[in-house]
Amino acid sequence: MPWVVLLASAVLEAVWASALAASEGLSRPVPAVVFLVAGALSMVGLAHAVRTIPIGSAYAVWTGLGAALTVTWAMVTGNEAFSVVKVLLLAGIVGAVVGLKVLGHEAPAD
């Protein structure tokens, strides 16, 4: 369950980052409120997840997946240029996140 919460928090990170851009410096009320709510919920989810998941792995997943989703959304909506190289690099980030999940069940070294 902590991994599900962490993934949801990463999605919320992409939501708040996109809302921040759409708020035009927090001058547009609706995107500004979305930014604030999604940001708070994203942090709460991260805080919950790190009770179980090591902070290094959790933070890397949260920021990496959040960034990958933010760039993907920006490309889909036309706010950022699409390129095959970007897609390959984003796939690398997602691959690293999967790797951290796979390794996340290992006990720390003594």
C-alpha atoms as a PDB file:
ATOM      1  CA  MET A   1       0.000   0.000   0.000  1.00  0.00           C
ATOM      2  CA  PRO A   2       2.790   2.536   0.685  1.00  0.00           C
ATOM      3  CA  TRP A   3       3.971   2.168  -2.927  1.00  0.00           C
ATOM      4  CA  VAL A   4       0.459   2.913  -4.206  1.00  0.00           C
ATOM      5  CA  VAL A   5       0.337   6.024  -2.017  1.00  0.00           C
ATOM      6  CA  LEU A   6       3.787   7.028  -3.272  1.00  0.00           C
ATOM      7  CA  LEU A   7       2.730   6.616  -6.912  1.00  0.00           C
ATOM      8  CA  ALA A   8      -0.427   8.643  -6.284  1.00  0.00           C
ATOM      9  CA  SER A   9       1.738  11.318  -4.652  1.00  0.00           C
ATOM     10  CA  ALA A  10       3.983  11.388  -7.727  1.00  0.00           C
ATOM     11  CA  VAL A  11       0.913  11.914  -9.918  1.00  0.00           C
ATOM     12  CA  LEU A  12      -0.142  14.748  -7.617  1.00  0.00           C
ATOM     13  CA  GLU A  13       3.331  16.214  -7.985  1.00  0.00           C
ATOM     14  CA  ALA A  14       2.787  16.372 -11.740  1.00  0.00           C
ATOM     15  CA  VAL A  15      -0.634  17.951 -11.120  1.00  0.00           C
ATOM     16  CA  TRP A  16       0.752  20.680  -8.866  1.00  0.00           C
ATOM     17  CA  ALA A  17       3.664  21.415 -11.177  1.00  0.00           C
ATOM     18  CA  SER A  18       1.343  21.713 -14.169  1.00  0.00           C
ATOM     19  CA  ALA A  19      -1.115  23.819 -12.175  1.00  0.00           C
ATOM     20  CA  LEU A  20       1.717  26.097 -11.075  1.00  0.00           C
ATOM     21  CA  ALA A  21       2.604  26.746 -14.706  1.00  0.00           C
ATOM     22  CA  ALA A  22      -1.052  27.299 -15.582  1.00  0.00           C
ATOM     23  CA  SER A  23      -1.499  29.724 -12.674  1.00  0.00           C
ATOM     24  CA  GLU A  24       0.844  32.246 -14.320  1.00  0.00           C
ATOM     25  CA  GLY A  25       2.703  33.071 -11.136  1.00  0.00           C
ATOM     26  CA  LEU A  26      -0.282  32.248  -8.889  1.00  0.00           C
ATOM     27  CA  SER A  27      -2.263  35.078 -10.523  1.00  0.00           C
ATOM     28  CA  ARG A  28      -5.059  32.799 -11.800  1.00  0.00           C
ATOM     29  CA  PRO A  29      -7.195  31.591  -8.866  1.00  0.00           C
ATOM     30  CA  VAL A  30      -8.373  28.144 -10.033  1.00  0.00           C
ATOM     31  CA  PRO A  31      -4.960  26.792 -11.073  1.00  0.00           C
ATOM     32  CA  ALA A  32      -3.456  28.403  -7.953  1.00  0.00           C
ATOM     33  CA  VAL A  33      -5.895  26.517  -5.715  1.00  0.00           C
ATOM     34  CA  VAL A  34      -5.240  23.274  -7.620  1.00  0.00           C
ATOM     35  CA  PHE A  35      -1.512  23.898  -7.105  1.00  0.00           C
ATOM     36  CA  LEU A  36      -1.912  24.408  -3.359  1.00  0.00           C
ATOM     37  CA  VAL A  37      -4.238  21.441  -2.776  1.00  0.00           C
ATOM     38  CA  ALA A  38      -2.310  19.007  -4.987  1.00  0.00           C
ATOM     39  CA  GLY A  39       0.991  20.150  -3.458  1.00  0.00           C
ATOM     40  CA  ALA A  40      -0.243  19.592   0.078  1.00  0.00           C
ATOM     41  CA  LEU A  41      -1.750  16.192  -0.734  1.00  0.00           C
ATOM     42  CA  SER A  42       1.403  15.151  -2.573  1.00  0.00           C
ATOM     43  CA  MET A  43       3.533  15.979   0.468  1.00  0.00           C
ATOM     44  CA  VAL A  44       1.150  14.176   2.829  1.00  0.00           C
ATOM     45  CA  GLY A  45       1.325  11.083   0.630  1.00  0.00           C
ATOM     46  CA  LEU A  46       5.112  11.225   0.493  1.00  0.00           C
ATOM     47  CA  ALA A  47       5.259  11.595   4.283  1.00  0.00           C
ATOM     48  CA  HIS A  48       2.993   8.562   4.670  1.00  0.00           C
ATOM     49  CA  ALA A  49       5.013   6.466   2.218  1.00  0.00           C
ATOM     50  CA  VAL A  50       8.361   7.153   3.920  1.00  0.00           C
ATOM     51  CA  ARG A  51       7.096   5.498   7.068  1.00  0.00           C
ATOM     52  CA  THR A  52       7.736   2.232   5.224  1.00  0.00           C
ATOM     53  CA  ILE A  53       9.830   3.025   2.144  1.00  0.00           C
ATOM     54  CA  PRO A  54      13.396   4.326   2.659  1.00  0.00           C
ATOM     55  CA  ILE A  55      13.512   8.092   2.087  1.00  0.00           C
ATOM     56  CA  GLY A  56      16.163   7.892  -0.629  1.00  0.00           C
ATOM     57  CA  SER A  57      14.132   5.507  -2.756  1.00  0.00           C
ATOM     58  CA  ALA A  58      10.816   7.215  -2.010  1.00  0.00           C
ATOM     59  CA  TYR A  59      12.121  10.684  -2.857  1.00  0.00           C
ATOM     60  CA  ALA A  60      13.760   9.451  -6.068  1.00  0.00           C
ATOM     61  CA  VAL A  61      10.520   7.780  -7.160  1.00  0.00           C
ATOM     62  CA  TRP A  62       8.402  10.800  -6.161  1.00  0.00           C
ATOM     63  CA  THR A  63      10.540  13.364  -7.972  1.00  0.00           C
ATOM     64  CA  GLY A  64      11.502  11.162 -10.919  1.00  0.00           C
ATOM     65  CA  LEU A  65       8.031   9.943 -11.733  1.00  0.00           C
ATOM     66  CA  GLY A  66       6.531  13.356 -11.002  1.00  0.00           C
ATOM     67  CA  ALA A  67       8.986  14.998 -13.395  1.00  0.00           C
ATOM     68  CA  ALA A  68       8.433  12.361 -16.077  1.00  0.00           C
ATOM     69  CA  LEU A  69       4.663  12.785 -15.837  1.00  0.00           C
ATOM     70  CA  THR A  70       4.962  16.573 -15.900  1.00  0.00           C
ATOM     71  CA  VAL A  71       7.076  16.538 -19.071  1.00  0.00           C
ATOM     72  CA  THR A  72       4.794  13.943 -20.668  1.00  0.00           C
ATOM     73  CA  TRP A  73       1.718  16.046 -19.909  1.00  0.00           C
ATOM     74  CA  ALA A  74       3.417  19.159 -21.269  1.00  0.00           C
ATOM     75  CA  MET A  75       4.263  17.339 -24.502  1.00  0.00           C
ATOM     76  CA  VAL A  76       0.723  15.942 -24.837  1.00  0.00           C
ATOM     77  CA  THR A  77      -0.843  19.371 -24.324  1.00  0.00           C
ATOM     78  CA  GLY A  78       1.597  21.073 -26.678  1.00  0.00           C
ATOM     79  CA  ASN A  79       3.276  23.173 -23.985  1.00  0.00           C
ATOM     80  CA  GLU A  80       6.595  21.454 -24.610  1.00  0.00           C
ATOM     81  CA  ALA A  81       8.121  20.173 -27.818  1.00  0.00           C
ATOM     82  CA  PHE A  82       7.905  16.439 -28.462  1.00  0.00           C
ATOM     83  CA  SER A  83      11.044  14.525 -29.358  1.00  0.00           C
ATOM     84  CA  VAL A  84      11.995  10.872 -29.517  1.00  0.00           C
ATOM     85  CA  VAL A  85      15.054  11.586 -27.369  1.00  0.00           C
ATOM     86  CA  LYS A  86      12.831  13.039 -24.606  1.00  0.00           C
ATOM     87  CA  VAL A  87      10.576   9.992 -24.728  1.00  0.00           C
ATOM     88  CA  LEU A  88      13.582   7.667 -24.438  1.00  0.00           C
ATOM     89  CA  LEU A  89      14.962   9.635 -21.512  1.00  0.00           C
ATOM     90  CA  LEU A  90      11.556   9.624 -19.807  1.00  0.00           C
ATOM     91  CA  ALA A  91      11.397   5.849 -20.330  1.00  0.00           C
ATOM     92  CA  GLY A  92      14.781   5.671 -18.585  1.00  0.00           C
ATOM     93  CA  ILE A  93      13.376   7.540 -15.589  1.00  0.00           C
ATOM     94  CA  VAL A  94      10.386   5.206 -15.424  1.00  0.00           C
ATOM     95  CA  GLY A  95      12.732   2.212 -15.725  1.00  0.00           C
ATOM     96  CA  ALA A  96      14.774   3.522 -12.811  1.00  0.00           C
ATOM     97  CA  VAL A  97      11.599   3.950 -10.748  1.00  0.00           C
ATOM     98  CA  VAL A  98      10.638   0.333 -11.465  1.00  0.00           C
ATOM     99  CA  GLY A  99      14.155  -0.725 -10.464  1.00  0.00           C
ATOM    100  CA  LEU A 100      13.864   1.121  -7.161  1.00  0.00           C
ATOM    101  CA  LYS A 101      10.528  -0.570  -6.509  1.00  0.00           C
ATOM    102  CA  VAL A 102      12.055  -3.983  -7.197  1.00  0.00           C
ATOM    103  CA  LEU A 103      14.997  -3.246  -4.901  1.00  0.00           C
ATOM    104  CA  GLY A 104      12.798  -1.509  -2.322  1.00  0.00           C
ATOM    105  CA  HIS A 105      12.045  -4.777  -0.567  1.00  0.00           C
ATOM    106  CA  GLU A 106      15.663  -5.509   0.232  1.00  0.00           C
ATOM    107  CA  ALA A 107      16.800  -5.080   3.796  1.00  0.00           C
ATOM    108  CA  PRO A 108      19.467  -2.418   4.398  1.00  0.00           C
ATOM    109  CA  ALA A 109      23.068  -3.655   4.561  1.00  0.00           C
ATOM    110  CA  ASP A 110      24.536  -4.098   8.023  1.00  0.00           C
END
